[in-house]
PDB file of all heavy atoms in Angstrom:
ATOM      1  N   ALA A   1      62.538 -83.068  92.648  1.00  0.00           N
ATOM      2  CA  ALA A   1      61.295 -83.304  91.917  1.00  0.00           C
ATOM      3  C   ALA A   1      60.135 -82.508  92.500  1.00  0.00           C
ATOM      4  O   ALA A   1      59.298 -81.984  91.752  1.00  0.00           O
ATOM      5  CB  ALA A   1      60.971 -84.792  91.908  1.00  0.00           C
ATOM      6  N   ASP A   2      60.074 -82.367  93.821  1.00  0.00           N
ATOM      7  CA  ASP A   2      58.945 -81.664  94.430  1.00  0.00           C
ATOM      8  C   ASP A   2      59.003 -80.150  94.210  1.00  0.00           C
ATOM      9  O   ASP A   2      58.007 -79.455  94.420  1.00  0.00           O
ATOM     10  CB  ASP A   2      58.833 -81.995  95.917  1.00  0.00           C
ATOM     11  CG  ASP A   2      60.067 -81.606  96.712  1.00  0.00           C
ATOM     12  OD1 ASP A   2      61.162 -81.505  96.119  1.00  0.00           O
ATOM     13  OD2 ASP A   2      59.943 -81.421  97.939  1.00  0.00           O
ATOM     14  N   GLU A   3      60.131 -79.613  93.769  1.00  0.00           N
ATOM     15  CA  GLU A   3      60.255 -78.181  93.492  1.00  0.00           C
ATOM     16  C   GLU A   3      60.249 -77.867  91.991  1.00  0.00           C
ATOM     17  O   GLU A   3      60.135 -76.713  91.602  1.00  0.00           O
ATOM     18  CB  GLU A   3      61.555 -77.646  94.101  1.00  0.00           C
ATOM     19  CG  GLU A   3      61.603 -77.710  95.612  1.00  0.00           C
ATOM     20  CD  GLU A   3      62.943 -77.274  96.167  1.00  0.00           C
ATOM     21  OE1 GLU A   3      63.737 -76.633  95.429  1.00  0.00           O
ATOM     22  OE2 GLU A   3      63.206 -77.574  97.343  1.00  0.00           O
ATOM     23  N   LEU A   4      60.357 -78.911  91.185  1.00  0.00           N
ATOM     24  CA  LEU A   4      60.517 -78.707  89.749  1.00  0.00           C
ATOM     25  C   LEU A   4      59.272 -78.094  89.105  1.00  0.00           C
ATOM     26  O   LEU A   4      59.382 -77.197  88.263  1.00  0.00           O
ATOM     27  CB  LEU A   4      60.884 -80.029  89.076  1.00  0.00           C
ATOM     28  CG  LEU A   4      61.357 -79.949  87.637  1.00  0.00           C
ATOM     29  CD1 LEU A   4      62.547 -79.012  87.489  1.00  0.00           C
ATOM     30  CD2 LEU A   4      61.718 -81.339  87.133  1.00  0.00           C
ATOM     31  N   ALA A   5      58.097 -78.536  89.500  1.00  0.00           N
ATOM     32  CA  ALA A   5      56.860 -78.005  88.895  1.00  0.00           C
ATOM     33  C   ALA A   5      56.730 -76.503  89.167  1.00  0.00           C
ATOM     34  O   ALA A   5      56.362 -75.736  88.268  1.00  0.00           O
ATOM     35  CB  ALA A   5      55.648 -78.757  89.423  1.00  0.00           C
ATOM     36  N   ALA A   6      57.032 -76.083  90.380  1.00  0.00           N
ATOM     37  CA  ALA A   6      56.947 -74.662  90.719  1.00  0.00           C
ATOM     38  C   ALA A   6      57.976 -73.855  89.913  1.00  0.00           C
ATOM     39  O   ALA A   6      57.675 -72.756  89.434  1.00  0.00           O
ATOM     40  CB  ALA A   6      57.153 -74.455  92.209  1.00  0.00           C
ATOM     41  N   LEU A   7      59.173 -74.414  89.756  1.00  0.00           N
ATOM     42  CA  LEU A   7      60.210 -73.735  88.977  1.00  0.00           C
ATOM     43  C   LEU A   7      59.776 -73.592  87.519  1.00  0.00           C
ATOM     44  O   LEU A   7      59.916 -72.517  86.923  1.00  0.00           O
ATOM     45  CB  LEU A   7      61.536 -74.493  89.070  1.00  0.00           C
ATOM     46  CG  LEU A   7      62.691 -73.944  88.237  1.00  0.00           C
ATOM     47  CD1 LEU A   7      63.048 -72.524  88.674  1.00  0.00           C
ATOM     48  CD2 LEU A   7      63.896 -74.864  88.331  1.00  0.00           C
ATOM     49  N   ILE A   8      59.222 -74.647  86.951  1.00  0.00           N
ATOM     50  CA  ILE A   8      58.757 -74.583  85.563  1.00  0.00           C
ATOM     51  C   ILE A   8      57.654 -73.532  85.433  1.00  0.00           C
ATOM     52  O   ILE A   8      57.642 -72.744  84.480  1.00  0.00           O
ATOM     53  CB  ILE A   8      58.289 -75.971  85.082  1.00  0.00           C
ATOM     54  CG1 ILE A   8      59.500 -76.887  84.900  1.00  0.00           C
ATOM     55  CG2 ILE A   8      57.487 -75.872  83.787  1.00  0.00           C
ATOM     56  CD1 ILE A   8      59.155 -78.343  84.622  1.00  0.00           C
ATOM     57  N   GLY A   9      56.747 -73.490  86.390  1.00  0.00           N
ATOM     58  CA  GLY A   9      55.685 -72.482  86.356  1.00  0.00           C
ATOM     59  C   GLY A   9      56.230 -71.064  86.401  1.00  0.00           C
ATOM     60  O   GLY A   9      55.771 -70.185  85.651  1.00  0.00           O
ATOM     61  N   ARG A  10      57.216 -70.838  87.264  1.00  0.00           N
ATOM     62  CA  ARG A  10      57.817 -69.497  87.350  1.00  0.00           C
ATOM     63  C   ARG A  10      58.565 -69.141  86.067  1.00  0.00           C
ATOM     64  O   ARG A  10      58.484 -68.007  85.582  1.00  0.00           O
ATOM     65  CB  ARG A  10      58.757 -69.408  88.555  1.00  0.00           C
ATOM     66  CG  ARG A  10      58.043 -69.439  89.891  1.00  0.00           C
ATOM     67  CD  ARG A  10      58.947 -69.056  91.049  1.00  0.00           C
ATOM     68  NE  ARG A  10      60.221 -69.733  91.092  1.00  0.00           N
ATOM     69  CZ  ARG A  10      60.466 -70.884  91.722  1.00  0.00           C
ATOM     70  NH1 ARG A  10      59.481 -71.508  92.369  1.00  0.00           N
ATOM     71  NH2 ARG A  10      61.677 -71.410  91.730  1.00  0.00           N
ATOM     72  N   LEU A  11      59.276 -70.114  85.498  1.00  0.00           N
ATOM     73  CA  LEU A  11      59.999 -69.853  84.253  1.00  0.00           C
ATOM     74  C   LEU A  11      59.037 -69.554  83.105  1.00  0.00           C
ATOM     75  O   LEU A  11      59.300 -68.676  82.279  1.00  0.00           O
ATOM     76  CB  LEU A  11      60.922 -71.028  83.906  1.00  0.00           C
ATOM     77  CG  LEU A  11      62.150 -71.169  84.801  1.00  0.00           C
ATOM     78  CD1 LEU A  11      62.810 -72.526  84.609  1.00  0.00           C
ATOM     79  CD2 LEU A  11      63.149 -70.049  84.548  1.00  0.00           C
ATOM     80  N   HIS A  12      57.923 -70.273  83.042  1.00  0.00           N
ATOM     81  CA  HIS A  12      56.891 -69.960  82.042  1.00  0.00           C
ATOM     82  C   HIS A  12      56.409 -68.523  82.225  1.00  0.00           C
ATOM     83  O   HIS A  12      56.255 -67.780  81.252  1.00  0.00           O
ATOM     84  CB  HIS A  12      55.701 -70.920  82.172  1.00  0.00           C
ATOM     85  CG  HIS A  12      55.812 -72.168  81.363  1.00  0.00           C
ATOM     86  ND1 HIS A  12      55.919 -72.183  79.994  1.00  0.00           N
ATOM     87  CD2 HIS A  12      55.809 -73.475  81.743  1.00  0.00           C
ATOM     88  CE1 HIS A  12      55.978 -73.428  79.563  1.00  0.00           C
ATOM     89  NE2 HIS A  12      55.918 -74.236  80.607  1.00  0.00           N
ATOM     90  N   GLU A  13      56.166 -68.132  83.464  1.00  0.00           N
ATOM     91  CA  GLU A  13      55.671 -66.780  83.753  1.00  0.00           C
ATOM     92  C   GLU A  13      56.720 -65.723  83.394  1.00  0.00           C
ATOM     93  O   GLU A  13      56.393 -64.693  82.806  1.00  0.00           O
ATOM     94  CB  GLU A  13      55.274 -66.661  85.227  1.00  0.00           C
ATOM     95  CG  GLU A  13      54.706 -65.326  85.612  1.00  0.00           C
ATOM     96  CD  GLU A  13      53.395 -64.972  84.925  1.00  0.00           C
ATOM     97  OE1 GLU A  13      52.723 -65.867  84.376  1.00  0.00           O
ATOM     98  OE2 GLU A  13      53.046 -63.781  84.919  1.00  0.00           O
ATOM     99  N   HIS A  14      57.985 -65.967  83.741  1.00  0.00           N
ATOM    100  CA  HIS A  14      59.056 -65.017  83.373  1.00  0.00           C
ATOM    101  C   HIS A  14      59.113 -64.860  81.858  1.00  0.00           C
ATOM    102  O   HIS A  14      59.227 -63.753  81.338  1.00  0.00           O
ATOM    103  CB  HIS A  14      60.418 -65.488  83.875  1.00  0.00           C
ATOM    104  CG  HIS A  14      60.537 -65.631  85.353  1.00  0.00           C
ATOM    105  ND1 HIS A  14      59.871 -64.837  86.256  1.00  0.00           N
ATOM    106  CD2 HIS A  14      61.262 -66.509  86.095  1.00  0.00           C
ATOM    107  CE1 HIS A  14      60.183 -65.212  87.492  1.00  0.00           C
ATOM    108  NE2 HIS A  14      61.031 -66.221  87.414  1.00  0.00           N
ATOM    109  N   SER A  15      59.045 -65.987  81.163  1.00  0.00           N
ATOM    110  CA  SER A  15      59.102 -65.963  79.704  1.00  0.00           C
ATOM    111  C   SER A  15      57.942 -65.144  79.137  1.00  0.00           C
ATOM    112  O   SER A  15      58.130 -64.290  78.264  1.00  0.00           O
ATOM    113  CB  SER A  15      59.061 -67.401  79.177  1.00  0.00           C
ATOM    114  OG  SER A  15      58.914 -67.421  77.789  1.00  0.00           O
ATOM    115  N   ARG A  16      56.743 -65.376  79.644  1.00  0.00           N
ATOM    116  CA  ARG A  16      55.562 -64.650  79.163  1.00  0.00           C
ATOM    117  C   ARG A  16      55.697 -63.142  79.414  1.00  0.00           C
ATOM    118  O   ARG A  16      55.460 -62.324  78.529  1.00  0.00           O
ATOM    119  CB  ARG A  16      54.297 -65.166  79.838  1.00  0.00           C
ATOM    120  CG  ARG A  16      53.019 -64.487  79.308  1.00  0.00           C
ATOM    121  CD  ARG A  16      51.818 -64.737  80.190  1.00  0.00           C
ATOM    122  NE  ARG A  16      51.953 -64.219  81.535  1.00  0.00           N
ATOM    123  CZ  ARG A  16      51.816 -62.923  81.873  1.00  0.00           C
ATOM    124  NH1 ARG A  16      51.579 -62.024  80.947  1.00  0.00           N
ATOM    125  NH2 ARG A  16      51.934 -62.540  83.127  1.00  0.00           N
ATOM    126  N   ARG A  17      56.114 -62.797  80.610  1.00  0.00           N
ATOM    127  CA  ARG A  17      56.220 -61.374  80.944  1.00  0.00           C
ATOM    128  C   ARG A  17      57.310 -60.680  80.127  1.00  0.00           C
ATOM    129  O   ARG A  17      57.124 -59.555  79.656  1.00  0.00           O
ATOM    130  CB  ARG A  17      56.486 -61.194  82.431  1.00  0.00           C
ATOM    131  CG  ARG A  17      55.255 -61.569  83.263  1.00  0.00           C
ATOM    132  CD  ARG A  17      55.482 -61.344  84.705  1.00  0.00           C
ATOM    133  NE  ARG A  17      54.690 -60.184  85.102  1.00  0.00           N
ATOM    134  CZ  ARG A  17      54.623 -59.759  86.341  1.00  0.00           C
ATOM    135  NH1 ARG A  17      55.303 -60.344  87.292  1.00  0.00           N
ATOM    136  NH2 ARG A  17      53.868 -58.722  86.643  1.00  0.00           N
ATOM    137  N   LEU A  18      58.437 -61.343  79.948  1.00  0.00           N
ATOM    138  CA  LEU A  18      59.515 -60.741  79.152  1.00  0.00           C
ATOM    139  C   LEU A  18      59.088 -60.599  77.689  1.00  0.00           C
ATOM    140  O   LEU A  18      59.392 -59.581  77.049  1.00  0.00           O
ATOM    141  CB  LEU A  18      60.793 -61.568  79.269  1.00  0.00           C
ATOM    142  CG  LEU A  18      61.485 -61.487  80.628  1.00  0.00           C
ATOM    143  CD1 LEU A  18      62.630 -62.493  80.699  1.00  0.00           C
ATOM    144  CD2 LEU A  18      61.993 -60.076  80.912  1.00  0.00           C
ATOM    145  N   ARG A  19      58.376 -61.593  77.161  1.00  0.00           N
ATOM    146  CA  ARG A  19      57.863 -61.480  75.786  1.00  0.00           C
ATOM    147  C   ARG A  19      56.906 -60.301  75.679  1.00  0.00           C
ATOM    148  O   ARG A  19      56.971 -59.529  74.715  1.00  0.00           O
ATOM    149  CB  ARG A  19      57.143 -62.760  75.357  1.00  0.00           C
ATOM    150  CG  ARG A  19      58.100 -63.889  75.012  1.00  0.00           C
ATOM    151  CD  ARG A  19      57.370 -65.134  74.560  1.00  0.00           C
ATOM    152  NE  ARG A  19      56.628 -65.686  75.699  1.00  0.00           N
ATOM    153  CZ  ARG A  19      55.416 -66.216  75.620  1.00  0.00           C
ATOM    154  NH1 ARG A  19      54.777 -66.272  74.485  1.00  0.00           N
ATOM    155  NH2 ARG A  19      54.831 -66.702  76.693  1.00  0.00           N
ATOM    156  N   ASP A  20      56.026 -60.152  76.670  1.00  0.00           N
ATOM    157  CA  ASP A  20      55.078 -59.034  76.654  1.00  0.00           C
ATOM    158  C   ASP A  20      55.806 -57.694  76.690  1.00  0.00           C
ATOM    159  O   ASP A  20      55.426 -56.759  75.984  1.00  0.00           O
ATOM    160  CB  ASP A  20      54.111 -59.125  77.836  1.00  0.00           C
ATOM    161  CG  ASP A  20      53.093 -60.243  77.698  1.00  0.00           C
ATOM    162  OD1 ASP A  20      53.016 -60.862  76.606  1.00  0.00           O
ATOM    163  OD2 ASP A  20      52.385 -60.528  78.688  1.00  0.00           O
ATOM    164  N   ILE A  21      56.833 -57.595  77.499  1.00  0.00           N
ATOM    165  CA  ILE A  21      57.608 -56.356  77.586  1.00  0.00           C
ATOM    166  C   ILE A  21      58.320 -56.074  76.268  1.00  0.00           C
ATOM    167  O   ILE A  21      58.349 -54.939  75.784  1.00  0.00           O
ATOM    168  CB  ILE A  21      58.619 -56.425  78.753  1.00  0.00           C
ATOM    169  CG1 ILE A  21      57.875 -56.413  80.093  1.00  0.00           C
ATOM    170  CG2 ILE A  21      59.635 -55.282  78.671  1.00  0.00           C
ATOM    171  CD1 ILE A  21      58.753 -56.771  81.285  1.00  0.00           C
ATOM    172  N   ALA A  22      58.873 -57.118  75.662  1.00  0.00           N
ATOM    173  CA  ALA A  22      59.661 -56.948  74.436  1.00  0.00           C
ATOM    174  C   ALA A  22      58.828 -56.428  73.269  1.00  0.00           C
ATOM    175  O   ALA A  22      59.360 -55.738  72.395  1.00  0.00           O
ATOM    176  CB  ALA A  22      60.326 -58.270  74.055  1.00  0.00           C
ATOM    177  N   VAL A  23      57.544 -56.735  73.248  1.00  0.00           N
ATOM    178  CA  VAL A  23      56.707 -56.317  72.122  1.00  0.00           C
ATOM    179  C   VAL A  23      55.697 -55.246  72.517  1.00  0.00           C
ATOM    180  O   VAL A  23      54.799 -54.920  71.743  1.00  0.00           O
ATOM    181  CB  VAL A  23      55.979 -57.531  71.487  1.00  0.00           C
ATOM    182  CG1 VAL A  23      56.977 -58.537  70.950  1.00  0.00           C
ATOM    183  CG2 VAL A  23      55.019 -58.175  72.468  1.00  0.00           C
ATOM    184  N   ALA A  24      55.840 -54.671  73.693  1.00  0.00           N
ATOM    185  CA  ALA A  24      54.833 -53.744  74.223  1.00  0.00           C
ATOM    186  C   ALA A  24      54.730 -52.441  73.442  1.00  0.00           C
ATOM    187  O   ALA A  24      53.643 -51.894  73.308  1.00  0.00           O
ATOM    188  CB  ALA A  24      55.120 -53.447  75.691  1.00  0.00           C
ATOM    189  N   ASP A  25      55.825 -51.939  72.935  1.00  0.00           N
ATOM    190  CA  ASP A  25      55.791 -50.635  72.275  1.00  0.00           C
ATOM    191  C   ASP A  25      55.966 -50.815  70.770  1.00  0.00           C
ATOM    192  O   ASP A  25      57.049 -51.155  70.300  1.00  0.00           O
ATOM    193  CB  ASP A  25      56.903 -49.739  72.829  1.00  0.00           C
ATOM    194  CG  ASP A  25      56.757 -48.292  72.387  1.00  0.00           C
ATOM    195  OD1 ASP A  25      56.023 -48.023  71.411  1.00  0.00           O
ATOM    196  OD2 ASP A  25      57.375 -47.429  73.024  1.00  0.00           O
TER     197      ASP A  25
END
């Protein structure tokens, strides 16, 4: 439980960055 919030935050960030890359060009 004490690591879950950080993991969710990183997964949100990975998702955002990959979405940005996918639509960049």
